[in-house]
Amino acid sequence: MPKMKTNRSAAKRFKLTGTGKLKRSKAYKSHILTKKSAKRKRNLRRPAMTDDSNVKNMLKILPYLK
């Protein structure tokens, strides 16, 4: 059986935490930042966990993450 290919774009965006959850960075932080408040931009810096409904599909395209 051939090796499975990792989706490289997903591999760069998701990391696995120590407890096995998928960590991701938040969107809306790259441009048009002048109209966003400092509080909103500060909260966008923090990582977020991937929703449970998406984890199954994410692990399918990241076969060697675990």
Protein backbone atom coordinates (compact mmCIF):
# COMPACT_ATOMS: atom_id res chain seq x y z
CA MET A 1 0.00 0.00 0.00
CA PRO A 2 1.44 3.42 -0.92
CA LYS A 3 2.10 6.14 1.59
CA MET A 4 -0.70 8.58 2.28
CA LYS A 5 -0.10 12.20 1.33
CA THR A 6 -0.43 14.97 3.90
CA ASN A 7 -2.29 18.07 2.81
CA ARG A 8 0.58 20.55 3.07
CA SER A 9 -1.58 23.66 3.46
CA ALA A 10 -3.37 22.08 6.42
CA ALA A 11 -0.07 20.90 7.94
CA LYS A 12 1.13 24.51 8.08
CA ARG A 13 -2.07 25.74 9.73
CA PHE A 14 -2.82 23.11 12.39
CA LYS A 15 -0.82 21.76 15.32
CA LEU A 16 -1.69 19.04 17.80
CA THR A 17 -1.79 19.96 21.49
CA GLY A 18 -0.57 17.72 24.28
CA THR A 19 -4.11 16.56 25.01
CA GLY A 20 -4.71 15.65 21.36
CA LYS A 21 -6.80 18.65 20.30
CA LEU A 22 -6.20 20.55 17.07
CA LYS A 23 -4.93 24.10 17.53
CA ARG A 24 -5.44 26.74 14.84
CA SER A 25 -4.84 30.44 14.43
CA LYS A 26 -7.75 32.83 14.07
CA ALA A 27 -8.79 34.54 10.85
CA TYR A 28 -9.22 38.28 10.10
CA LYS A 29 -5.77 39.28 11.39
CA SER A 30 -3.89 39.94 8.16
CA HIS A 31 -5.12 43.26 6.74
CA ILE A 32 -7.63 46.11 7.17
CA LEU A 33 -6.61 46.36 10.81
CA THR A 34 -7.24 50.09 11.27
CA LYS A 35 -10.99 49.72 11.75
CA LYS A 36 -10.60 46.88 14.26
CA SER A 37 -10.32 47.73 17.94
CA ALA A 38 -7.21 46.94 19.95
CA LYS A 39 -9.22 44.49 22.06
CA ARG A 40 -10.41 42.63 18.97
CA LYS A 41 -6.90 42.43 17.49
CA ARG A 42 -5.49 41.27 20.82
CA ASN A 43 -8.05 38.46 21.01
CA LEU A 44 -7.24 37.42 17.44
CA ARG A 45 -3.62 36.77 18.48
CA ARG A 46 -4.58 33.89 20.75
CA PRO A 47 -4.88 30.42 19.20
CA ALA A 48 -8.22 28.66 19.00
CA MET A 49 -9.20 25.01 19.06
CA THR A 50 -10.71 23.40 15.98
CA ASP A 51 -14.41 22.61 16.41
CA ASP A 52 -15.25 18.97 17.17
CA SER A 53 -17.40 18.73 14.02
CA ASN A 54 -14.32 19.39 11.84
CA VAL A 55 -11.71 17.30 13.67
CA LYS A 56 -12.57 14.04 11.88
CA ASN A 57 -12.04 15.59 8.45
CA MET A 58 -8.87 17.39 9.53
CA LEU A 59 -7.27 14.20 10.81
CA LYS A 60 -8.14 12.54 7.50
CA ILE A 61 -6.06 15.06 5.54
CA LEU A 62 -3.32 15.03 8.21
CA PRO A 63 -2.69 11.28 8.51
CA TYR A 64 0.73 11.54 10.22
CA LEU A 65 -0.18 14.23 12.74
CA LYS A 66 -1.00 11.85 15.59
